[in-house]
Amino acid sequence: MIKSTSSIESIKKLVSDCYNKPVIVKLNLGRNKFVTFSATVNGVYPSLFTVSPDDKSFLGKTAYSYSEMLCGRVKIGIKNR
């Protein structure tokens, strides 16, 4: 098993730094399926965070836990303008 170099606390800090900023969200849906969309982090809570997709027709889940980022299921990054 590969030991993760990040912790929940460092992920919480990364997400809180992205609050109200445009981000790119990449979701790993399994079986080599990925979804990438642009969004804005609009809620940071003790056990999860929420994003608001820029595309209003997006029907995906918009609340993610920090553990989903820790295990690699969700990745976020600051959107370059």
N, C-alpha and C. Protein backbone atom coordinates (compact mmCIF):
# COMPACT_ATOMS: atom_id res chain seq x y z
N MET A 1 0.84 -1.18 0.00
CA MET A 1 0.00 0.00 0.00
C MET A 1 0.88 1.24 0.00
N ILE A 2 0.53 2.20 -0.84
CA ILE A 2 1.29 3.44 -0.92
C ILE A 2 0.78 4.40 0.15
N LYS A 3 1.71 4.91 0.94
CA LYS A 3 1.33 5.84 2.00
C LYS A 3 1.11 7.23 1.43
N SER A 4 -0.01 7.83 1.78
CA SER A 4 -0.34 9.16 1.30
C SER A 4 0.56 10.21 1.96
N THR A 5 1.00 11.18 1.16
CA THR A 5 1.87 12.23 1.70
C THR A 5 1.07 13.40 2.25
N SER A 6 -0.23 13.43 2.00
CA SER A 6 -1.05 14.51 2.52
C SER A 6 -1.95 14.00 3.64
N SER A 7 -2.50 14.94 4.38
CA SER A 7 -3.39 14.58 5.48
C SER A 7 -4.71 15.32 5.30
N ILE A 8 -5.68 14.94 6.10
CA ILE A 8 -6.99 15.60 6.04
C ILE A 8 -6.84 17.08 6.33
N GLU A 9 -5.99 17.44 7.29
CA GLU A 9 -5.81 18.85 7.65
C GLU A 9 -5.23 19.66 6.49
N SER A 10 -4.28 19.09 5.76
CA SER A 10 -3.70 19.82 4.63
C SER A 10 -4.71 19.94 3.50
N ILE A 11 -5.57 18.94 3.33
CA ILE A 11 -6.62 19.01 2.30
C ILE A 11 -7.66 20.06 2.68
N LYS A 12 -8.02 20.13 3.97
CA LYS A 12 -8.97 21.15 4.42
C LYS A 12 -8.43 22.55 4.16
N LYS A 13 -7.13 22.74 4.39
CA LYS A 13 -6.52 24.05 4.15
C LYS A 13 -6.52 24.37 2.66
N LEU A 14 -6.22 23.39 1.82
CA LEU A 14 -6.22 23.60 0.37
C LEU A 14 -7.61 23.99 -0.12
N VAL A 15 -8.64 23.31 0.37
CA VAL A 15 -10.01 23.60 -0.05
C VAL A 15 -10.44 24.97 0.47
N SER A 16 -10.10 25.29 1.72
CA SER A 16 -10.50 26.59 2.26
C SER A 16 -9.78 27.73 1.54
N ASP A 17 -8.58 27.49 1.01
CA ASP A 17 -7.88 28.51 0.21
C ASP A 17 -8.57 28.73 -1.13
N CYS A 18 -9.32 27.74 -1.61
CA CYS A 18 -10.04 27.84 -2.89
C CYS A 18 -11.45 28.39 -2.73
N TYR A 19 -11.83 28.78 -1.53
CA TYR A 19 -13.19 29.25 -1.26
C TYR A 19 -13.52 30.46 -2.11
N ASN A 20 -14.67 30.42 -2.81
CA ASN A 20 -15.17 31.47 -3.70
C ASN A 20 -14.23 31.78 -4.86
N LYS A 21 -13.43 30.79 -5.27
CA LYS A 21 -12.55 30.95 -6.42
C LYS A 21 -12.94 29.93 -7.47
N PRO A 22 -12.73 30.25 -8.75
CA PRO A 22 -13.02 29.26 -9.80
C PRO A 22 -12.00 28.13 -9.76
N VAL A 23 -12.48 26.91 -9.82
CA VAL A 23 -11.62 25.72 -9.77
C VAL A 23 -12.00 24.75 -10.89
N ILE A 24 -11.11 23.83 -11.15
CA ILE A 24 -11.37 22.70 -12.04
C ILE A 24 -11.50 21.47 -11.16
N VAL A 25 -12.60 20.74 -11.30
CA VAL A 25 -12.85 19.54 -10.50
C VAL A 25 -12.73 18.33 -11.42
N LYS A 26 -11.93 17.34 -11.00
CA LYS A 26 -11.79 16.11 -11.76
C LYS A 26 -12.25 14.96 -10.87
N LEU A 27 -13.25 14.22 -11.34
CA LEU A 27 -13.82 13.11 -10.59
C LEU A 27 -13.41 11.80 -11.22
N ASN A 28 -13.00 10.85 -10.40
CA ASN A 28 -12.69 9.50 -10.85
C ASN A 28 -13.91 8.64 -10.56
N LEU A 29 -14.62 8.22 -11.61
CA LEU A 29 -15.84 7.44 -11.45
C LEU A 29 -15.58 5.94 -11.47
N GLY A 30 -14.34 5.53 -11.62
CA GLY A 30 -14.00 4.12 -11.66
C GLY A 30 -14.03 3.58 -13.08
N ARG A 31 -13.36 2.46 -13.28
CA ARG A 31 -13.29 1.80 -14.59
C ARG A 31 -12.85 2.76 -15.69
N ASN A 32 -11.80 3.53 -15.38
CA ASN A 32 -11.21 4.48 -16.32
C ASN A 32 -12.19 5.53 -16.83
N LYS A 33 -13.14 5.91 -16.01
CA LYS A 33 -14.09 6.97 -16.37
C LYS A 33 -13.80 8.19 -15.51
N PHE A 34 -13.61 9.32 -16.17
CA PHE A 34 -13.33 10.57 -15.49
C PHE A 34 -14.28 11.65 -15.98
N VAL A 35 -14.65 12.56 -15.08
CA VAL A 35 -15.47 13.72 -15.42
C VAL A 35 -14.71 14.95 -14.94
N THR A 36 -14.54 15.91 -15.82
CA THR A 36 -13.87 17.16 -15.48
C THR A 36 -14.81 18.32 -15.77
N PHE A 37 -14.94 19.22 -14.80
CA PHE A 37 -15.81 20.38 -15.00
C PHE A 37 -15.27 21.56 -14.21
N SER A 38 -15.67 22.75 -14.64
CA SER A 38 -15.27 23.95 -13.90
C SER A 38 -16.37 24.31 -12.92
N ALA A 39 -15.97 24.82 -11.78
CA ALA A 39 -16.91 25.11 -10.70
C ALA A 39 -16.33 26.17 -9.78
N THR A 40 -17.10 26.49 -8.75
CA THR A 40 -16.67 27.40 -7.69
C THR A 40 -16.93 26.73 -6.36
N VAL A 41 -15.95 26.75 -5.47
CA VAL A 41 -16.14 26.20 -4.13
C VAL A 41 -17.00 27.20 -3.36
N ASN A 42 -18.19 26.77 -2.95
CA ASN A 42 -19.10 27.71 -2.30
C ASN A 42 -19.47 27.33 -0.88
N GLY A 43 -18.91 26.27 -0.36
CA GLY A 43 -19.18 25.89 1.02
C GLY A 43 -18.06 25.03 1.57
N VAL A 44 -17.55 25.42 2.73
CA VAL A 44 -16.50 24.64 3.40
C VAL A 44 -17.00 24.32 4.80
N TYR A 45 -17.16 23.04 5.09
CA TYR A 45 -17.71 22.56 6.35
C TYR A 45 -16.72 21.61 7.02
N PRO A 46 -16.94 21.24 8.29
CA PRO A 46 -15.98 20.40 8.99
C PRO A 46 -15.71 19.03 8.34
N SER A 47 -16.72 18.43 7.71
CA SER A 47 -16.50 17.10 7.16
C SER A 47 -16.67 17.01 5.65
N LEU A 48 -17.12 18.10 5.01
CA LEU A 48 -17.27 18.09 3.55
C LEU A 48 -17.20 19.49 3.00
N PHE A 49 -17.14 19.57 1.66
CA PHE A 49 -17.18 20.86 0.98
C PHE A 49 -18.10 20.75 -0.22
N THR A 50 -18.66 21.87 -0.64
CA THR A 50 -19.59 21.88 -1.76
C THR A 50 -19.03 22.75 -2.88
N VAL A 51 -19.36 22.36 -4.10
CA VAL A 51 -18.97 23.14 -5.26
C VAL A 51 -20.21 23.44 -6.09
N SER A 52 -20.19 24.55 -6.77
CA SER A 52 -21.28 24.95 -7.64
C SER A 52 -20.76 24.91 -9.08
N PRO A 53 -21.20 23.94 -9.89
CA PRO A 53 -20.72 23.85 -11.27
C PRO A 53 -21.11 25.08 -12.09
N ASP A 54 -20.22 25.49 -12.98
CA ASP A 54 -20.51 26.64 -13.85
C ASP A 54 -21.59 26.29 -14.85
N ASP A 55 -21.64 25.03 -15.28
CA ASP A 55 -22.66 24.57 -16.22
C ASP A 55 -23.91 24.21 -15.42
N LYS A 56 -24.97 24.96 -15.58
CA LYS A 56 -26.18 24.76 -14.78
C LYS A 56 -26.91 23.47 -15.14
N SER A 57 -26.60 22.86 -16.28
CA SER A 57 -27.24 21.60 -16.65
C SER A 57 -26.49 20.39 -16.09
N PHE A 58 -25.41 20.61 -15.34
CA PHE A 58 -24.64 19.51 -14.76
C PHE A 58 -25.48 18.84 -13.67
N LEU A 59 -25.65 17.53 -13.77
CA LEU A 59 -26.51 16.80 -12.84
C LEU A 59 -25.72 15.96 -11.84
N GLY A 60 -24.43 16.19 -11.73
CA GLY A 60 -23.61 15.39 -10.83
C GLY A 60 -23.69 15.83 -9.38
N LYS A 61 -23.07 15.05 -8.54
CA LYS A 61 -23.00 15.33 -7.11
C LYS A 61 -22.13 16.56 -6.89
N THR A 62 -22.53 17.45 -6.01
CA THR A 62 -21.76 18.67 -5.80
C THR A 62 -21.27 18.84 -4.37
N ALA A 63 -21.37 17.81 -3.54
CA ALA A 63 -20.81 17.85 -2.19
C ALA A 63 -19.84 16.67 -2.07
N TYR A 64 -18.64 16.95 -1.58
CA TYR A 64 -17.59 15.93 -1.51
C TYR A 64 -16.95 15.97 -0.14
N SER A 65 -16.53 14.82 0.34
CA SER A 65 -15.85 14.76 1.63
C SER A 65 -14.34 14.91 1.40
N TYR A 66 -13.64 15.30 2.44
CA TYR A 66 -12.20 15.47 2.36
C TYR A 66 -11.52 14.11 2.15
N SER A 67 -12.12 13.04 2.64
CA SER A 67 -11.53 11.71 2.45
C SER A 67 -11.58 11.28 0.99
N GLU A 68 -12.56 11.79 0.22
CA GLU A 68 -12.59 11.49 -1.21
C GLU A 68 -11.41 12.13 -1.92
N MET A 69 -10.96 13.27 -1.45
CA MET A 69 -9.75 13.88 -2.01
C MET A 69 -8.52 13.12 -1.56
N LEU A 70 -8.53 12.65 -0.32
CA LEU A 70 -7.37 11.93 0.21
C LEU A 70 -7.13 10.64 -0.56
N CYS A 71 -8.19 9.93 -0.92
CA CYS A 71 -8.03 8.66 -1.62
C CYS A 71 -7.93 8.84 -3.14
N GLY A 72 -8.07 10.06 -3.65
CA GLY A 72 -7.87 10.32 -5.06
C GLY A 72 -9.11 10.26 -5.92
N ARG A 73 -10.26 10.13 -5.33
CA ARG A 73 -11.50 10.09 -6.11
C ARG A 73 -11.87 11.47 -6.64
N VAL A 74 -11.51 12.52 -5.92
CA VAL A 74 -11.81 13.90 -6.33
C VAL A 74 -10.50 14.69 -6.30
N LYS A 75 -10.29 15.49 -7.34
CA LYS A 75 -9.14 16.39 -7.37
C LYS A 75 -9.64 17.77 -7.76
N ILE A 76 -9.14 18.79 -7.10
CA ILE A 76 -9.48 20.16 -7.46
C ILE A 76 -8.20 20.96 -7.67
N GLY A 77 -8.29 21.94 -8.53
CA GLY A 77 -7.17 22.82 -8.79
C GLY A 77 -7.68 24.19 -9.17
N ILE A 78 -6.89 25.20 -8.88
CA ILE A 78 -7.25 26.58 -9.20
C ILE A 78 -7.32 26.73 -10.72
N LYS A 79 -8.36 27.36 -11.20
CA LYS A 79 -8.57 27.56 -12.62
C LYS A 79 -7.75 28.75 -13.08
N ASN A 80 -6.95 28.55 -14.13
CA ASN A 80 -6.17 29.65 -14.70
C ASN A 80 -7.06 30.43 -15.65
N ARG A 81 -7.05 31.73 -15.51
CA ARG A 81 -7.92 32.56 -16.35
C ARG A 81 -7.25 32.93 -17.62
